[in-house]
Structures are given as C-alpha cells and as structure tokens.
Protein backbone atom coordinates (compact mmCIF):
# COMPACT_ATOMS: atom_id res chain seq x y z
CA MET A 1 -4.30 6.28 30.75
CA ALA A 2 -2.31 4.24 28.24
CA ARG A 3 -2.07 4.32 24.47
CA ILE A 4 -2.86 0.98 23.04
CA ILE A 5 -2.88 -0.36 19.53
CA VAL A 6 -4.96 -3.46 18.74
CA VAL A 7 -4.17 -4.95 15.27
CA ASP A 8 -6.53 -7.78 14.13
CA ASP A 9 -8.32 -8.39 10.75
CA SER A 10 -11.63 -9.17 12.51
CA GLU A 11 -13.70 -6.16 13.00
CA ASP A 12 -15.53 -7.84 15.84
CA ILE A 13 -12.59 -8.65 17.74
CA CYS A 14 -11.19 -5.08 17.19
CA ARG A 15 -14.52 -3.67 18.23
CA LEU A 16 -14.51 -5.99 21.49
CA LEU A 17 -10.99 -5.15 22.58
CA LYS A 18 -11.44 -1.52 21.99
CA ARG A 19 -14.56 -1.23 24.06
CA ALA A 20 -13.15 -3.40 26.94
CA LEU A 21 -9.87 -1.35 27.22
CA GLU A 22 -11.39 1.96 26.69
CA LYS A 23 -13.68 1.16 29.88
CA ASP A 24 -10.39 1.11 31.76
CA GLY A 25 -9.55 4.64 30.54
CA HIS A 26 -7.19 3.72 27.84
CA SER A 27 -6.97 5.60 24.54
CA VAL A 28 -7.34 2.52 22.00
CA THR A 29 -6.38 2.61 18.26
CA ALA A 30 -7.79 -0.47 16.35
CA LEU A 31 -6.21 -1.42 13.05
CA PRO A 32 -7.28 -4.22 10.41
CA ASP A 33 -3.96 -4.31 8.70
CA THR A 34 -0.35 -4.43 10.15
CA GLN A 35 0.86 -2.13 7.46
CA GLU A 36 -0.75 0.61 9.17
CA LEU A 37 1.68 0.18 12.00
CA ASP A 38 4.02 3.05 11.09
CA GLU A 39 6.84 4.52 13.14
CA LYS A 40 4.90 7.49 14.40
CA LEU A 41 2.09 5.42 15.67
CA CYS A 42 4.34 2.88 17.48
CA LYS A 43 6.54 5.30 18.96
CA ALA A 44 3.54 6.85 20.74
CA ALA A 45 2.29 3.50 22.01
CA ASP A 46 2.49 2.18 25.48
CA LEU A 47 1.27 -1.37 24.56
CA ILE A 48 0.53 -3.23 21.34
CA LEU A 49 -1.84 -6.13 20.99
CA LEU A 50 -1.09 -8.06 17.62
CA ASP A 51 -2.83 -10.87 16.02
CA VAL A 52 -0.38 -13.66 14.68
CA MET A 53 -2.44 -14.66 11.74
CA MET A 54 -3.03 -11.62 9.56
CA PRO A 55 -3.54 -11.49 5.64
CA GLY A 56 -0.40 -10.00 4.00
CA GLU A 57 2.22 -9.24 6.53
CA ASP A 58 1.47 -11.43 9.61
CA GLY A 59 1.98 -10.43 13.18
CA VAL A 60 5.38 -12.01 13.57
CA ALA A 61 6.86 -10.15 10.53
CA ALA A 62 5.19 -7.05 11.83
CA CYS A 63 6.67 -7.32 15.23
CA GLY A 64 10.14 -7.71 13.89
CA ARG A 65 9.65 -4.83 11.61
CA ILE A 66 8.34 -2.24 14.38
CA ARG A 67 10.92 -3.36 17.09
CA ALA A 68 13.27 -1.12 15.35
CA PHE A 69 11.37 1.96 16.47
CA THR A 70 9.40 1.01 19.67
CA ASP A 71 10.37 -0.99 22.98
CA CYS A 72 6.78 -1.20 24.36
CA PRO A 73 5.44 -4.42 25.33
CA ILE A 74 3.81 -6.48 22.42
CA LEU A 75 1.37 -9.00 23.13
CA PHE A 76 0.37 -11.65 20.35
CA LEU A 77 -3.17 -12.74 20.05
CA THR A 78 -3.15 -16.26 18.83
CA ALA A 79 -5.22 -19.48 18.12
CA ARG A 80 -4.48 -22.49 19.91
CA GLY A 81 -2.18 -24.76 17.96
CA GLU A 82 0.13 -21.98 16.76
CA ASP A 83 2.73 -22.77 19.22
CA GLU A 84 5.63 -22.49 16.55
CA ASP A 85 4.34 -19.02 15.35
CA VAL A 86 4.25 -17.77 18.98
CA LEU A 87 7.93 -18.86 19.48
CA ASN A 88 8.99 -17.22 16.38
CA GLY A 89 7.07 -14.25 17.54
CA LEU A 90 9.07 -14.07 20.76
CA GLY A 91 12.23 -14.33 18.78
CA ALA A 92 11.05 -11.51 16.67
CA GLY A 93 10.75 -9.20 19.72
CA GLY A 94 7.36 -10.08 21.29
CA ASP A 95 6.94 -10.24 25.00
CA ASP A 96 3.84 -12.47 25.78
CA TYR A 97 0.70 -13.83 24.16
CA LEU A 98 -3.02 -14.43 24.66
CA THR A 99 -4.61 -17.69 23.41
CA LYS A 100 -8.01 -17.31 21.66
CA PRO A 101 -10.46 -17.61 22.99
CA PHE A 102 -9.79 -15.57 26.02
CA SER A 103 -11.99 -13.72 28.37
CA VAL A 104 -12.34 -9.81 28.61
CA LEU A 105 -11.34 -10.04 32.44
CA GLN A 106 -8.35 -11.94 31.36
CA LEU A 107 -7.15 -9.58 28.72
CA ARG A 108 -7.75 -6.58 30.85
CA ALA A 109 -5.72 -8.19 33.86
CA ARG A 110 -2.75 -9.06 31.52
CA VAL A 111 -2.80 -5.66 29.86
CA GLU A 112 -2.63 -4.03 33.27
CA ALA A 113 0.00 -6.37 34.56
CA HIS A 114 2.26 -5.31 31.58
CA LEU A 115 1.45 -1.61 31.96
CA ARG A 116 2.11 -1.84 35.67
CA ARG A 117 5.64 -3.17 34.95
CA GLU A 118 6.27 -0.46 32.69
CA ARG A 119 5.26 2.14 35.19
CA ARG A 120 7.78 1.03 37.64
CA VAL A 121 10.57 3.52 38.27
CA PRO A 122 13.54 2.04 40.19
CA SER A 123 16.04 4.76 41.19
CA TYR A 124 19.47 2.74 41.12
CA ARG A 125 21.64 0.81 39.28
CA PHE A 126 23.79 -2.29 39.97
CA VAL A 127 26.77 -4.07 38.24
CA SER A 128 27.17 -7.78 37.80
CA GLY A 129 30.73 -8.73 36.29
CA GLY A 130 31.13 -6.63 33.34
CA LEU A 131 27.47 -5.68 32.81
CA ARG A 132 25.87 -2.57 34.17
CA PHE A 133 22.14 -2.53 34.72
CA ASP A 134 20.08 0.71 34.73
CA LEU A 135 17.16 -0.25 36.54
CA GLN A 136 15.23 3.14 35.71
CA ALA A 137 15.78 2.99 31.94
CA LYS A 138 15.59 -0.84 31.95
CA LYS A 139 18.75 -1.29 29.93
CA VAL A 140 21.87 -3.19 30.21
CA TYR A 141 25.39 -2.06 29.07
CA ALA A 142 28.60 -3.92 28.48
CA GLY A 143 31.01 -1.28 28.90
CA GLU A 144 29.58 1.72 26.96
CA GLN A 145 27.69 -0.66 24.49
CA GLU A 146 23.95 -1.05 25.19
CA LEU A 147 22.42 -4.42 24.63
CA SER A 148 19.33 -4.40 22.48
CA LEU A 149 17.00 -6.34 24.70
CA THR A 150 13.21 -6.84 24.48
CA ARG A 151 11.26 -5.91 27.74
CA SER A 152 11.00 -9.77 28.43
CA GLU A 153 14.62 -10.35 27.76
CA TYR A 154 15.55 -7.54 30.04
CA MET A 155 13.38 -8.81 32.84
CA LEU A 156 14.84 -12.27 32.52
CA CYS A 157 18.36 -10.81 32.68
CA GLU A 158 17.71 -8.64 35.58
CA THR A 159 15.97 -11.38 37.63
CA LEU A 160 18.74 -13.66 37.14
CA ALA A 161 21.46 -11.02 37.66
CA ARG A 162 19.99 -9.87 40.90
CA HIS A 163 20.26 -13.35 42.46
CA PRO A 164 23.65 -14.80 41.13
CA GLY A 165 24.22 -18.37 41.87
CA LEU A 166 20.36 -18.96 42.53
CA VAL A 167 18.72 -21.45 40.42
CA TYR A 168 15.43 -20.58 38.86
CA THR A 169 13.15 -23.10 37.31
CA ARG A 170 11.36 -22.22 34.04
CA GLU A 171 8.15 -22.24 36.03
CA GLN A 172 9.54 -19.63 38.28
CA LEU A 173 10.84 -17.35 35.51
CA LEU A 174 7.51 -17.77 33.65
CA GLU A 175 5.55 -16.45 36.60
CA GLU A 176 8.01 -13.76 37.20
CA ILE A 177 8.01 -12.35 33.72
CA PHE A 178 4.56 -13.13 32.33
CA GLY A 179 2.46 -13.64 35.53
CA PHE A 180 0.94 -16.69 36.99
CA ASP A 181 -1.99 -16.57 34.56
CA SER A 182 -0.09 -16.18 31.46
CA ASP A 183 -0.80 -18.45 28.46
CA SER A 184 2.83 -18.42 27.79
CA GLY A 185 4.46 -21.92 28.47
CA GLU A 186 7.81 -22.88 29.65
CA ALA A 187 8.88 -23.12 25.94
CA ALA A 188 8.63 -19.28 25.78
CA VAL A 189 11.08 -19.07 28.67
CA THR A 190 13.52 -21.35 26.75
CA GLU A 191 13.19 -19.17 23.58
CA HIS A 192 13.69 -15.81 25.46
CA ILE A 193 16.87 -17.27 27.30
CA LYS A 194 18.15 -18.54 23.93
CA ASN A 195 17.77 -15.14 22.43
CA LEU A 196 19.29 -13.35 25.48
CA ARG A 197 22.11 -15.65 25.42
CA GLY A 198 22.99 -14.94 21.85
CA LYS A 199 23.00 -11.01 22.66
CA LEU A 200 25.16 -11.50 25.66
CA ALA A 201 27.44 -13.59 23.53
CA SER A 202 27.87 -10.73 21.09
CA CYS A 203 29.63 -8.70 23.79
CA GLY A 204 31.63 -11.54 25.03
CA SER A 205 29.47 -12.35 28.01
CA ALA A 206 28.05 -15.93 28.94
CA PRO A 207 26.79 -15.60 32.48
CA ILE A 208 23.61 -17.61 32.11
CA GLU A 209 24.09 -21.34 33.08
CA THR A 210 21.74 -24.25 32.60
CA VAL A 211 21.46 -26.43 35.52
CA TRP A 212 20.16 -29.66 34.04
CA GLY A 213 16.90 -30.82 35.34
CA MET A 214 16.25 -27.77 37.27
CA GLY A 215 16.63 -24.60 35.55
CA TYR A 216 18.97 -21.64 35.00
CA ARG A 217 21.36 -19.49 37.23
CA TRP A 218 23.52 -16.52 36.78
CA ASN A 219 27.33 -16.66 37.12
CA SER A 220 28.59 -13.06 37.60
CA GLU A 221 32.20 -14.25 36.87
CA LYS A 222 31.13 -14.95 33.48
CA ALA A 223 29.30 -11.67 32.79
C-alpha cells in the first residue's frame, strides 16, 4: 500500500482518482487546493498527483514549494496544449505527467510504474570520475556534497553514468525514465538534461555530452 495525494480542483476528478487508486489498495488523500499541501502531509506521501491548472497557487508553483520537503515522485495532471506549463513543472521538480483525458487503466499503470521504481533497493554503489552514486539511497555526491536531484534527474544521471561512452537517444531515455506509455515527450528529456547539467556544473562537473543528431552520452573523465 502506498500513500498517495491527489490535488485537483474538480471534485469529480478527485473522486474518480481516489476510487480507482483505493481499489489497488492505496491510501489516497484528495485535496481541492494546493495550499493544503503542507510539510507533514508531503513528507508522509509516496507519490503526489498534481493538477497544473489550479486557482490561486497553480501546480507548478506548488511543486517548487513542496520539493523543499519531499522527494517522492510528483506527476502532473495536465490538459493538452499546456506543454510550456509542463516543461516549467519539470524544471520545478516534477517527474512526469499525464495528459487529460486519460483512462483509469493508464493512470493505475503509470502510478504503479513509479511506485515500483521507488521500491527498488539496490545494495551497492559505484563511482564515475569524481561522482559517487549511492544506488540504495538514490543519491549522487561530488566529494562530500550531495547533489539535490529530483527522482527523474537522478535516474537520467544514473542511466548515463552506468554506461559511459554509450550514446542514448532522447527516445531511449524517455522510455527508460518514464516508461514506454508515458505522455511525456522528448522535450521533457531535454528539460531534465538541462536542469541536471546545471546542478552538475555547480560542483564543477560536466560529464553529459550532446552527440548532435543522436542524443547524449556520459564522459566519466569530465565527471
């Protein structure tokens, strides 16, 4: 059982999502307002579903605010045509998104995919250049400094670092991080890579290389 928070100003959507996810045995808290996302509630959550277009504080702003005290997966619920909002949301710390209208089966599958990745418990570490990966805690360190990465940024970083020199296309990274049935497009991968590069650069590391017309690869000598 996972503890899931659903935030949407539509009572019908909240009721639908709550009923669907509770059938899978999850504990679901449905909220109509992002202001109700406080630190205690978010720290206890295993996953958060967050509508982008909300009155008052929108989903993107809420995501940026709550990332200070939770690292659980955050999935945006978004209408078609809100691509810019979605990219802003990924930059604010979101992990993935579902485009409305979506089926209950799609919702349940995507939620389970993210929860399954969270339950993986690797028991080892590895080092690439000056970066140390703790696979159990899903953290990356430059010396003793921990990089503040979202789950999706971490997974991109680990995927590339595990196979230095191997070129990954955006499509491959999209499937690796979000799953083959994700609504997220290749622009989401580009946005995550941009954010990840910025965080790596803050500790003097620049291992992610762009291979023009193909994708990205990891150069451990620059890590």
